[in-house]
Amino acid sequence: MIRTNRILIAILVLATASLACNLGIRGVKTPAPLIPVSTEAVQSLEETAVNSFDKFQQTGQVNLTVTEEQLTSMVALELDEQATEGISNPQVYLRDGQIQLAGDVQTQGLSAPARMVMEVDIDANGRPSLQIVSANVGPFPVPDSLIESVETRLNRAFLNQLDEMAPNAVVESVVIADGSMTITGQTR
């Protein structure tokens, strides 16, 4: 009797996992084409950021443009350095006013495609903030409480980086379209 119950539970677990994997393939679609990852793209991003910072110091004006390849490469190489179970094959798309993150999430030997879509708002004080519009793992939406937690951590990290690089900067606009994101601003 106990053995029969174990077999039934094992079959139920396998059927559920199979269903989840199959639904995940159809439920989360990564925009094509895949963005290549390269150390050259990360170096280009670093050079672009340094040049923008230097110009900001000289003129008080910020104009920084980053590309999908630069951001995808930066995220991929950061994840490789961490070498932990979590996210693999990251892709960052900059299209239609949104930042779209896609990749595969691994935990406890299971893998599922994941996608998160964000938009950037600028408040009256010129402070940008990221809002998560949607987040899915496979066909399943991520719970709101987890989205709020991730959103809070992303915004904190983003604003800390901005304050470190340009403490007196006021962001005037963030334009996301056609594979790039352009941030413009000035000194307070």
N, C-alpha and C. Protein backbone atom coordinates (compact mmCIF):
# COMPACT_ATOMS: atom_id res chain seq x y z
N MET A 1 0.83 -1.19 0.00
CA MET A 1 0.00 0.00 0.00
C MET A 1 0.87 1.26 0.00
N ILE A 2 1.90 1.28 0.88
CA ILE A 2 2.80 2.43 0.93
C ILE A 2 3.54 2.58 -0.38
N ARG A 3 3.97 1.45 -0.95
CA ARG A 3 4.69 1.50 -2.22
C ARG A 3 3.78 2.04 -3.33
N THR A 4 2.53 1.65 -3.37
CA THR A 4 1.58 2.13 -4.37
C THR A 4 1.39 3.64 -4.23
N ASN A 5 1.29 4.13 -3.00
CA ASN A 5 1.15 5.58 -2.78
C ASN A 5 2.38 6.33 -3.27
N ARG A 6 3.55 5.80 -3.00
CA ARG A 6 4.79 6.45 -3.47
C ARG A 6 4.85 6.50 -4.98
N ILE A 7 4.44 5.43 -5.64
CA ILE A 7 4.44 5.39 -7.10
C ILE A 7 3.44 6.41 -7.64
N LEU A 8 2.26 6.48 -7.05
CA LEU A 8 1.26 7.46 -7.49
C LEU A 8 1.76 8.88 -7.29
N ILE A 9 2.39 9.14 -6.16
CA ILE A 9 2.94 10.48 -5.90
C ILE A 9 4.03 10.80 -6.91
N ALA A 10 4.90 9.84 -7.20
CA ALA A 10 5.97 10.06 -8.17
C ALA A 10 5.40 10.35 -9.55
N ILE A 11 4.36 9.60 -9.95
CA ILE A 11 3.73 9.84 -11.24
C ILE A 11 3.09 11.21 -11.28
N LEU A 12 2.42 11.59 -10.20
CA LEU A 12 1.78 12.91 -10.12
C LEU A 12 2.83 14.02 -10.22
N VAL A 13 3.94 13.89 -9.52
CA VAL A 13 5.01 14.89 -9.57
C VAL A 13 5.58 14.98 -10.98
N LEU A 14 5.85 13.85 -11.61
CA LEU A 14 6.39 13.86 -12.97
C LEU A 14 5.40 14.47 -13.96
N ALA A 15 4.14 14.13 -13.83
CA ALA A 15 3.13 14.69 -14.73
C ALA A 15 3.01 16.19 -14.55
N THR A 16 3.03 16.65 -13.30
CA THR A 16 2.96 18.09 -13.02
C THR A 16 4.18 18.81 -13.57
N ALA A 17 5.36 18.24 -13.35
CA ALA A 17 6.59 18.86 -13.87
C ALA A 17 6.57 18.90 -15.39
N SER A 18 6.12 17.81 -16.01
CA SER A 18 6.05 17.79 -17.47
C SER A 18 5.07 18.83 -17.99
N LEU A 19 3.92 18.95 -17.35
CA LEU A 19 2.94 19.95 -17.74
C LEU A 19 3.51 21.35 -17.59
N ALA A 20 4.16 21.60 -16.46
CA ALA A 20 4.74 22.93 -16.22
C ALA A 20 5.81 23.25 -17.25
N CYS A 21 6.65 22.28 -17.58
CA CYS A 21 7.70 22.53 -18.58
C CYS A 21 7.10 22.82 -19.95
N ASN A 22 6.11 22.04 -20.34
CA ASN A 22 5.47 22.26 -21.65
C ASN A 22 4.73 23.58 -21.69
N LEU A 23 4.04 23.93 -20.62
CA LEU A 23 3.36 25.22 -20.58
C LEU A 23 4.35 26.36 -20.60
N GLY A 24 5.47 26.15 -19.93
CA GLY A 24 6.48 27.20 -19.87
C GLY A 24 7.04 27.53 -21.24
N ILE A 25 7.20 26.55 -22.06
CA ILE A 25 7.76 26.80 -23.39
C ILE A 25 6.79 27.65 -24.20
N ARG A 26 5.50 27.38 -24.08
CA ARG A 26 4.52 28.15 -24.82
C ARG A 26 4.16 29.44 -24.11
N GLY A 27 4.29 29.50 -22.78
CA GLY A 27 3.80 30.63 -22.02
C GLY A 27 4.71 31.84 -22.03
N VAL A 28 6.00 31.65 -22.13
CA VAL A 28 6.94 32.77 -22.09
C VAL A 28 7.75 32.74 -23.37
N LYS A 29 7.60 33.77 -24.16
CA LYS A 29 8.31 33.83 -25.43
C LYS A 29 9.38 34.91 -25.36
N THR A 30 10.58 34.55 -25.75
CA THR A 30 11.67 35.50 -25.80
C THR A 30 11.64 36.19 -27.16
N PRO A 31 11.65 37.52 -27.15
CA PRO A 31 11.69 38.21 -28.43
C PRO A 31 12.94 37.79 -29.21
N ALA A 32 12.79 37.58 -30.50
CA ALA A 32 13.92 37.17 -31.32
C ALA A 32 14.52 38.41 -31.96
N PRO A 33 15.70 38.41 -32.39
CA PRO A 33 16.73 37.39 -32.30
C PRO A 33 17.44 37.45 -30.95
N LEU A 34 18.20 36.40 -30.67
CA LEU A 34 18.99 36.38 -29.45
C LEU A 34 20.13 37.40 -29.55
N ILE A 35 20.40 38.04 -28.46
CA ILE A 35 21.43 39.08 -28.42
C ILE A 35 22.76 38.43 -28.03
N PRO A 36 23.81 38.66 -28.81
CA PRO A 36 25.10 38.05 -28.50
C PRO A 36 25.74 38.66 -27.25
N VAL A 37 26.53 37.85 -26.57
CA VAL A 37 27.24 38.29 -25.37
C VAL A 37 28.72 38.40 -25.71
N SER A 38 29.34 39.53 -25.31
CA SER A 38 30.78 39.69 -25.57
C SER A 38 31.42 40.60 -24.52
N THR A 39 32.69 40.35 -24.27
CA THR A 39 33.43 41.23 -23.35
C THR A 39 33.65 42.59 -24.00
N GLU A 40 33.70 42.62 -25.33
CA GLU A 40 33.87 43.90 -26.03
C GLU A 40 32.67 44.82 -25.78
N ALA A 41 31.47 44.26 -25.72
CA ALA A 41 30.28 45.07 -25.47
C ALA A 41 30.31 45.65 -24.06
N VAL A 42 30.82 44.88 -23.09
CA VAL A 42 30.93 45.38 -21.71
C VAL A 42 31.98 46.49 -21.66
N GLN A 43 33.10 46.30 -22.34
CA GLN A 43 34.13 47.34 -22.38
C GLN A 43 33.59 48.61 -23.03
N SER A 44 32.80 48.45 -24.08
CA SER A 44 32.19 49.59 -24.75
C SER A 44 31.23 50.32 -23.80
N LEU A 45 30.46 49.57 -23.02
CA LEU A 45 29.55 50.18 -22.05
C LEU A 45 30.33 50.96 -21.00
N GLU A 46 31.40 50.37 -20.50
CA GLU A 46 32.23 51.06 -19.50
C GLU A 46 32.82 52.34 -20.07
N GLU A 47 33.32 52.29 -21.31
CA GLU A 47 33.88 53.48 -21.95
C GLU A 47 32.81 54.55 -22.15
N THR A 48 31.63 54.13 -22.58
CA THR A 48 30.52 55.06 -22.78
C THR A 48 30.15 55.74 -21.47
N ALA A 49 30.08 54.96 -20.39
CA ALA A 49 29.72 55.52 -19.08
C ALA A 49 30.79 56.49 -18.60
N VAL A 50 32.06 56.14 -18.76
CA VAL A 50 33.15 57.04 -18.34
C VAL A 50 33.11 58.33 -19.15
N ASN A 51 32.93 58.23 -20.46
CA ASN A 51 32.86 59.43 -21.31
C ASN A 51 31.68 60.31 -20.92
N SER A 52 30.53 59.70 -20.66
CA SER A 52 29.35 60.48 -20.25
C SER A 52 29.59 61.16 -18.91
N PHE A 53 30.24 60.46 -17.99
CA PHE A 53 30.54 61.04 -16.68
C PHE A 53 31.51 62.21 -16.82
N ASP A 54 32.54 62.05 -17.66
CA ASP A 54 33.49 63.14 -17.89
C ASP A 54 32.80 64.37 -18.48
N LYS A 55 31.93 64.15 -19.46
CA LYS A 55 31.19 65.27 -20.07
C LYS A 55 30.26 65.92 -19.05
N PHE A 56 29.66 65.10 -18.19
CA PHE A 56 28.79 65.64 -17.15
C PHE A 56 29.59 66.54 -16.21
N GLN A 57 30.80 66.11 -15.86
CA GLN A 57 31.66 66.91 -14.98
C GLN A 57 32.04 68.24 -15.63
N GLN A 58 32.25 68.24 -16.94
CA GLN A 58 32.67 69.44 -17.65
C GLN A 58 31.53 70.38 -18.00
N THR A 59 30.40 69.80 -18.45
CA THR A 59 29.31 70.63 -18.98
C THR A 59 28.07 70.69 -18.11
N GLY A 60 27.93 69.75 -17.19
CA GLY A 60 26.71 69.69 -16.39
C GLY A 60 25.56 69.01 -17.12
N GLN A 61 25.83 68.46 -18.30
CA GLN A 61 24.80 67.78 -19.10
C GLN A 61 25.10 66.28 -19.17
N VAL A 62 24.06 65.47 -19.05
CA VAL A 62 24.20 64.02 -19.17
C VAL A 62 23.49 63.57 -20.44
N ASN A 63 24.17 62.74 -21.22
CA ASN A 63 23.56 62.10 -22.37
C ASN A 63 24.24 60.74 -22.52
N LEU A 64 23.55 59.70 -22.04
CA LEU A 64 24.12 58.36 -22.03
C LEU A 64 23.21 57.44 -22.82
N THR A 65 23.77 56.77 -23.82
CA THR A 65 23.01 55.80 -24.61
C THR A 65 23.66 54.43 -24.45
N VAL A 66 22.84 53.44 -24.09
CA VAL A 66 23.31 52.06 -23.96
C VAL A 66 22.47 51.18 -24.88
N THR A 67 23.06 50.06 -25.27
CA THR A 67 22.39 49.16 -26.22
C THR A 67 22.01 47.84 -25.56
N GLU A 68 21.16 47.10 -26.26
CA GLU A 68 20.77 45.77 -25.78
C GLU A 68 21.99 44.86 -25.63
N GLU A 69 22.90 44.91 -26.59
CA GLU A 69 24.08 44.05 -26.53
C GLU A 69 24.95 44.39 -25.33
N GLN A 70 25.11 45.68 -25.04
CA GLN A 70 25.91 46.09 -23.89
C GLN A 70 25.29 45.61 -22.57
N LEU A 71 23.99 45.83 -22.42
CA LEU A 71 23.32 45.42 -21.17
C LEU A 71 23.24 43.91 -21.03
N THR A 72 22.91 43.21 -22.13
CA THR A 72 22.85 41.75 -22.08
C THR A 72 24.21 41.18 -21.71
N SER A 73 25.27 41.70 -22.32
CA SER A 73 26.62 41.21 -22.03
C SER A 73 27.01 41.48 -20.59
N MET A 74 26.69 42.68 -20.09
CA MET A 74 27.02 43.02 -18.71
C MET A 74 26.31 42.07 -17.74
N VAL A 75 25.01 41.85 -17.94
CA VAL A 75 24.24 40.96 -17.07
C VAL A 75 24.77 39.54 -17.15
N ALA A 76 25.02 39.05 -18.35
CA ALA A 76 25.51 37.68 -18.53
C ALA A 76 26.86 37.47 -17.86
N LEU A 77 27.77 38.40 -18.03
CA LEU A 77 29.10 38.25 -17.43
C LEU A 77 29.04 38.38 -15.91
N GLU A 78 28.18 39.23 -15.39
CA GLU A 78 27.99 39.34 -13.93
C GLU A 78 27.46 38.03 -13.37
N LEU A 79 26.48 37.44 -14.04
CA LEU A 79 25.92 36.18 -13.58
C LEU A 79 26.95 35.06 -13.65
N ASP A 80 27.79 35.06 -14.69
CA ASP A 80 28.85 34.05 -14.80
C ASP A 80 29.83 34.16 -13.65
N GLU A 81 30.15 35.39 -13.24
CA GLU A 81 31.09 35.59 -12.13
C GLU A 81 30.52 35.08 -10.82
N GLN A 82 29.20 35.20 -10.64
CA GLN A 82 28.58 34.74 -9.40
C GLN A 82 28.57 33.22 -9.32
N ALA A 83 28.49 32.55 -10.46
CA ALA A 83 28.55 31.09 -10.56
C ALA A 83 27.65 30.39 -9.54
N THR A 84 26.42 30.88 -9.43
CA THR A 84 25.46 30.23 -8.55
C THR A 84 24.25 29.81 -9.37
N GLU A 85 23.50 28.90 -8.80
CA GLU A 85 22.25 28.49 -9.45
C GLU A 85 21.31 29.69 -9.41
N GLY A 86 20.63 29.94 -10.48
CA GLY A 86 19.73 31.08 -10.52
C GLY A 86 19.24 31.36 -11.91
N ILE A 87 19.91 32.28 -12.59
CA ILE A 87 19.47 32.69 -13.92
C ILE A 87 20.58 32.42 -14.93
N SER A 88 20.20 31.87 -16.07
CA SER A 88 21.16 31.66 -17.15
C SER A 88 20.55 32.16 -18.46
N ASN A 89 21.39 32.32 -19.45
CA ASN A 89 20.98 32.78 -20.78
C ASN A 89 20.18 34.09 -20.74
N PRO A 90 20.68 35.09 -20.01
CA PRO A 90 19.92 36.34 -19.92
C PRO A 90 19.90 37.10 -21.24
N GLN A 91 18.80 37.78 -21.47
CA GLN A 91 18.64 38.65 -22.63
C GLN A 91 17.98 39.93 -22.15
N VAL A 92 18.49 41.08 -22.56
CA VAL A 92 17.91 42.36 -22.20
C VAL A 92 17.48 43.04 -23.49
N TYR A 93 16.18 43.29 -23.60
CA TYR A 93 15.62 43.94 -24.78
C TYR A 93 15.16 45.35 -24.41
N LEU A 94 15.46 46.30 -25.25
CA LEU A 94 15.08 47.70 -25.05
C LEU A 94 14.18 48.10 -26.21
N ARG A 95 12.87 47.97 -25.97
CA ARG A 95 11.93 48.18 -27.06
C ARG A 95 10.62 48.77 -26.55
N ASP A 96 10.01 49.61 -27.36
CA ASP A 96 8.66 50.12 -27.11
C ASP A 96 8.51 50.74 -25.72
N GLY A 97 9.53 51.47 -25.27
CA GLY A 97 9.44 52.15 -23.98
C GLY A 97 9.62 51.23 -22.79
N GLN A 98 10.05 50.00 -23.01
CA GLN A 98 10.17 49.04 -21.93
C GLN A 98 11.53 48.34 -21.93
N ILE A 99 11.94 47.94 -20.73
CA ILE A 99 13.11 47.08 -20.55
C ILE A 99 12.55 45.69 -20.32
N GLN A 100 12.90 44.76 -21.19
CA GLN A 100 12.42 43.39 -21.08
C GLN A 100 13.59 42.48 -20.77
N LEU A 101 13.49 41.77 -19.65
CA LEU A 101 14.52 40.82 -19.25
C LEU A 101 13.98 39.42 -19.44
N ALA A 102 14.75 38.58 -20.11
CA ALA A 102 14.34 37.19 -20.32
C ALA A 102 15.52 36.29 -19.98
N GLY A 103 15.23 35.08 -19.58
CA GLY A 103 16.28 34.12 -19.27
C GLY A 103 15.67 32.84 -18.75
N ASP A 104 16.53 31.94 -18.34
CA ASP A 104 16.10 30.67 -17.76
C ASP A 104 16.41 30.70 -16.27
N VAL A 105 15.43 30.32 -15.47
CA VAL A 105 15.59 30.28 -14.02
C VAL A 105 15.79 28.83 -13.61
N GLN A 106 16.86 28.57 -12.85
CA GLN A 106 17.12 27.22 -12.35
C GLN A 106 17.06 27.22 -10.84
N THR A 107 16.41 26.19 -10.31
CA THR A 107 16.42 25.97 -8.87
C THR A 107 16.16 24.50 -8.59
N GLN A 108 16.96 23.94 -7.75
CA GLN A 108 16.83 22.54 -7.32
C GLN A 108 16.71 21.59 -8.50
N GLY A 109 17.51 21.80 -9.54
CA GLY A 109 17.54 20.91 -10.68
C GLY A 109 16.46 21.14 -11.72
N LEU A 110 15.56 22.07 -11.48
CA LEU A 110 14.51 22.38 -12.45
C LEU A 110 14.84 23.69 -13.15
N SER A 111 14.38 23.81 -14.41
CA SER A 111 14.63 25.01 -15.19
C SER A 111 13.33 25.44 -15.86
N ALA A 112 13.10 26.76 -15.90
CA ALA A 112 11.92 27.30 -16.57
C ALA A 112 12.27 28.65 -17.17
N PRO A 113 11.67 28.99 -18.30
CA PRO A 113 11.90 30.32 -18.87
C PRO A 113 11.22 31.38 -18.00
N ALA A 114 11.85 32.54 -17.92
CA ALA A 114 11.30 33.63 -17.12
C ALA A 114 11.38 34.93 -17.92
N ARG A 115 10.48 35.85 -17.58
CA ARG A 115 10.47 37.14 -18.27
C ARG A 115 9.96 38.20 -17.32
N MET A 116 10.62 39.36 -17.35
CA MET A 116 10.20 40.50 -16.55
C MET A 116 10.21 41.73 -17.46
N VAL A 117 9.14 42.52 -17.40
CA VAL A 117 9.02 43.72 -18.21
C VAL A 117 8.94 44.91 -17.26
N MET A 118 9.78 45.93 -17.53
CA MET A 118 9.83 47.12 -16.68
C MET A 118 9.69 48.38 -17.51
N GLU A 119 9.20 49.41 -16.86
CA GLU A 119 9.15 50.75 -17.44
C GLU A 119 9.85 51.70 -16.49
N VAL A 120 10.32 52.83 -17.02
CA VAL A 120 11.02 53.82 -16.20
C VAL A 120 10.16 55.08 -16.12
N ASP A 121 9.98 55.54 -14.89
CA ASP A 121 9.28 56.81 -14.65
C ASP A 121 10.28 57.78 -14.03
N ILE A 122 10.01 59.06 -14.19
CA ILE A 122 10.85 60.10 -13.57
C ILE A 122 9.92 60.95 -12.72
N ASP A 123 10.27 61.12 -11.44
CA ASP A 123 9.41 61.92 -10.57
C ASP A 123 9.70 63.41 -10.73
N ALA A 124 8.98 64.24 -10.00
CA ALA A 124 9.09 65.70 -10.12
C ALA A 124 10.48 66.21 -9.74
N ASN A 125 11.22 65.41 -8.97
CA ASN A 125 12.58 65.81 -8.55
C ASN A 125 13.66 65.31 -9.50
N GLY A 126 13.26 64.70 -10.62
CA GLY A 126 14.24 64.20 -11.58
C GLY A 126 14.88 62.90 -11.14
N ARG A 127 14.19 62.13 -10.32
CA ARG A 127 14.70 60.84 -9.85
C ARG A 127 13.99 59.72 -10.62
N PRO A 128 14.73 58.89 -11.32
CA PRO A 128 14.10 57.80 -12.06
C PRO A 128 13.71 56.65 -11.13
N SER A 129 12.68 55.91 -11.53
CA SER A 129 12.32 54.70 -10.80
C SER A 129 11.83 53.66 -11.81
N LEU A 130 12.12 52.42 -11.48
CA LEU A 130 11.72 51.30 -12.32
C LEU A 130 10.43 50.70 -11.78
N GLN A 131 9.46 50.46 -12.66
CA GLN A 131 8.23 49.77 -12.28
C GLN A 131 8.16 48.47 -13.06
N ILE A 132 7.95 47.39 -12.34
CA ILE A 132 7.79 46.09 -12.99
C ILE A 132 6.35 45.99 -13.46
N VAL A 133 6.18 45.90 -14.77
CA VAL A 133 4.86 45.82 -15.39
C VAL A 133 4.34 44.40 -15.33
N SER A 134 5.23 43.43 -15.56
CA SER A 134 4.84 42.02 -15.48
C SER A 134 6.08 41.17 -15.23
N ALA A 135 5.84 40.01 -14.63
CA ALA A 135 6.91 39.05 -14.39
C ALA A 135 6.29 37.66 -14.37
N ASN A 136 6.89 36.76 -15.14
CA ASN A 136 6.40 35.38 -15.23
C ASN A 136 7.56 34.42 -15.14
N VAL A 137 7.29 33.26 -14.54
CA VAL A 137 8.19 32.12 -14.59
C VAL A 137 7.36 31.01 -15.23
N GLY A 138 7.81 30.59 -16.42
CA GLY A 138 6.96 29.70 -17.20
C GLY A 138 5.67 30.46 -17.50
N PRO A 139 4.53 29.79 -17.42
CA PRO A 139 3.27 30.47 -17.69
C PRO A 139 2.68 31.16 -16.46
N PHE A 140 3.38 31.06 -15.34
CA PHE A 140 2.83 31.52 -14.07
C PHE A 140 3.32 32.92 -13.71
N PRO A 141 2.42 33.82 -13.32
CA PRO A 141 2.84 35.16 -12.89
C PRO A 141 3.56 35.09 -11.55
N VAL A 142 4.53 35.96 -11.37
CA VAL A 142 5.24 36.07 -10.11
C VAL A 142 4.33 36.80 -9.12
N PRO A 143 4.25 36.35 -7.87
CA PRO A 143 3.38 37.00 -6.88
C PRO A 143 3.74 38.48 -6.68
N ASP A 144 2.71 39.30 -6.44
CA ASP A 144 2.90 40.74 -6.26
C ASP A 144 3.88 41.06 -5.15
N SER A 145 3.86 40.30 -4.06
CA SER A 145 4.77 40.59 -2.95
C SER A 145 6.22 40.43 -3.38
N LEU A 146 6.51 39.44 -4.21
CA LEU A 146 7.88 39.25 -4.71
C LEU A 146 8.23 40.34 -5.70
N ILE A 147 7.28 40.73 -6.55
CA ILE A 147 7.53 41.82 -7.50
C ILE A 147 7.87 43.10 -6.75
N GLU A 148 7.13 43.41 -5.69
CA GLU A 148 7.40 44.63 -4.90
C GLU A 148 8.78 44.58 -4.28
N SER A 149 9.18 43.42 -3.78
CA SER A 149 10.50 43.27 -3.17
C SER A 149 11.61 43.46 -4.21
N VAL A 150 11.46 42.85 -5.37
CA VAL A 150 12.46 42.98 -6.44
C VAL A 150 12.51 44.42 -6.93
N GLU A 151 11.35 45.04 -7.10
CA GLU A 151 11.28 46.43 -7.55
C GLU A 151 12.00 47.36 -6.57
N THR A 152 11.79 47.15 -5.29
CA THR A 152 12.44 47.97 -4.27
C THR A 152 13.96 47.81 -4.34
N ARG A 153 14.44 46.57 -4.45
CA ARG A 153 15.89 46.34 -4.52
C ARG A 153 16.49 46.91 -5.80
N LEU A 154 15.80 46.75 -6.93
CA LEU A 154 16.30 47.30 -8.19
C LEU A 154 16.41 48.82 -8.11
N ASN A 155 15.38 49.47 -7.59
CA ASN A 155 15.39 50.93 -7.49
C ASN A 155 16.48 51.42 -6.55
N ARG A 156 16.65 50.73 -5.44
CA ARG A 156 17.70 51.12 -4.48
C ARG A 156 19.07 51.02 -5.14
N ALA A 157 19.33 49.91 -5.83
CA ALA A 157 20.63 49.72 -6.50
C ALA A 157 20.82 50.74 -7.60
N PHE A 158 19.77 50.98 -8.39
CA PHE A 158 19.85 51.93 -9.50
C PHE A 158 20.13 53.35 -8.99
N LEU A 159 19.41 53.78 -7.96
CA LEU A 159 19.60 55.13 -7.43
C LEU A 159 20.94 55.27 -6.72
N ASN A 160 21.39 54.22 -6.04
CA ASN A 160 22.72 54.28 -5.40
C ASN A 160 23.81 54.44 -6.45
N GLN A 161 23.68 53.72 -7.57
CA GLN A 161 24.66 53.83 -8.65
C GLN A 161 24.63 55.23 -9.26
N LEU A 162 23.44 55.75 -9.48
CA LEU A 162 23.29 57.10 -10.03
C LEU A 162 23.88 58.14 -9.09
N ASP A 163 23.59 58.03 -7.80
CA ASP A 163 24.12 58.98 -6.81
C ASP A 163 25.63 58.91 -6.71
N GLU A 164 26.17 57.71 -6.87
CA GLU A 164 27.62 57.53 -6.81
C GLU A 164 28.31 58.16 -8.02
N MET A 165 27.72 57.96 -9.21
CA MET A 165 28.34 58.46 -10.44
C MET A 165 28.08 59.95 -10.65
N ALA A 166 26.87 60.41 -10.35
CA ALA A 166 26.51 61.80 -10.61
C ALA A 166 25.56 62.29 -9.51
N PRO A 167 26.13 62.63 -8.34
CA PRO A 167 25.29 62.94 -7.18
C PRO A 167 24.36 64.14 -7.37
N ASN A 168 24.69 65.05 -8.24
CA ASN A 168 23.86 66.24 -8.43
C ASN A 168 23.06 66.20 -9.72
N ALA A 169 22.88 65.01 -10.29
CA ALA A 169 22.19 64.90 -11.58
C ALA A 169 20.68 64.87 -11.40
N VAL A 170 20.00 65.50 -12.33
CA VAL A 170 18.55 65.46 -12.45
C VAL A 170 18.26 64.81 -13.80
N VAL A 171 17.56 63.69 -13.79
CA VAL A 171 17.24 63.01 -15.03
C VAL A 171 16.03 63.69 -15.65
N GLU A 172 16.17 64.08 -16.90
CA GLU A 172 15.09 64.76 -17.62
C GLU A 172 14.26 63.79 -18.46
N SER A 173 14.93 62.81 -19.07
CA SER A 173 14.19 61.84 -19.88
C SER A 173 14.94 60.53 -19.99
N VAL A 174 14.16 59.48 -20.19
CA VAL A 174 14.69 58.15 -20.50
C VAL A 174 13.88 57.66 -21.69
N VAL A 175 14.56 57.47 -22.82
CA VAL A 175 13.88 57.03 -24.03
C VAL A 175 14.38 55.62 -24.35
N ILE A 176 13.42 54.69 -24.44
CA ILE A 176 13.75 53.29 -24.73
C ILE A 176 13.05 52.90 -26.02
N ALA A 177 13.85 52.62 -27.05
CA ALA A 177 13.28 52.26 -28.35
C ALA A 177 14.35 51.66 -29.25
N ASP A 178 13.92 50.76 -30.10
CA ASP A 178 14.76 50.22 -31.18
C ASP A 178 16.11 49.69 -30.71
N GLY A 179 16.14 49.04 -29.54
CA GLY A 179 17.36 48.41 -29.09
C GLY A 179 18.32 49.28 -28.30
N SER A 180 17.89 50.48 -27.90
CA SER A 180 18.76 51.32 -27.09
C SER A 180 17.96 52.11 -26.06
N MET A 181 18.66 52.57 -25.05
CA MET A 181 18.08 53.40 -24.01
C MET A 181 18.96 54.65 -23.89
N THR A 182 18.34 55.82 -23.99
CA THR A 182 19.07 57.07 -23.89
C THR A 182 18.56 57.83 -22.66
N ILE A 183 19.51 58.17 -21.79
CA ILE A 183 19.21 58.90 -20.57
C ILE A 183 19.80 60.29 -20.71
N THR A 184 18.97 61.32 -20.53
CA THR A 184 19.46 62.70 -20.58
C THR A 184 19.12 63.39 -19.27
N GLY A 185 19.98 64.34 -18.91
CA GLY A 185 19.77 65.08 -17.67
C GLY A 185 20.77 66.19 -17.54
N GLN A 186 20.77 66.78 -16.36
CA GLN A 186 21.66 67.93 -16.10
C GLN A 186 21.94 68.02 -14.61
N THR A 187 22.82 68.96 -14.26
CA THR A 187 23.14 69.22 -12.86
C THR A 187 22.00 69.97 -12.21
N ARG A 188 21.76 69.71 -10.92
CA ARG A 188 20.73 70.45 -10.17
C ARG A 188 21.08 71.90 -10.10
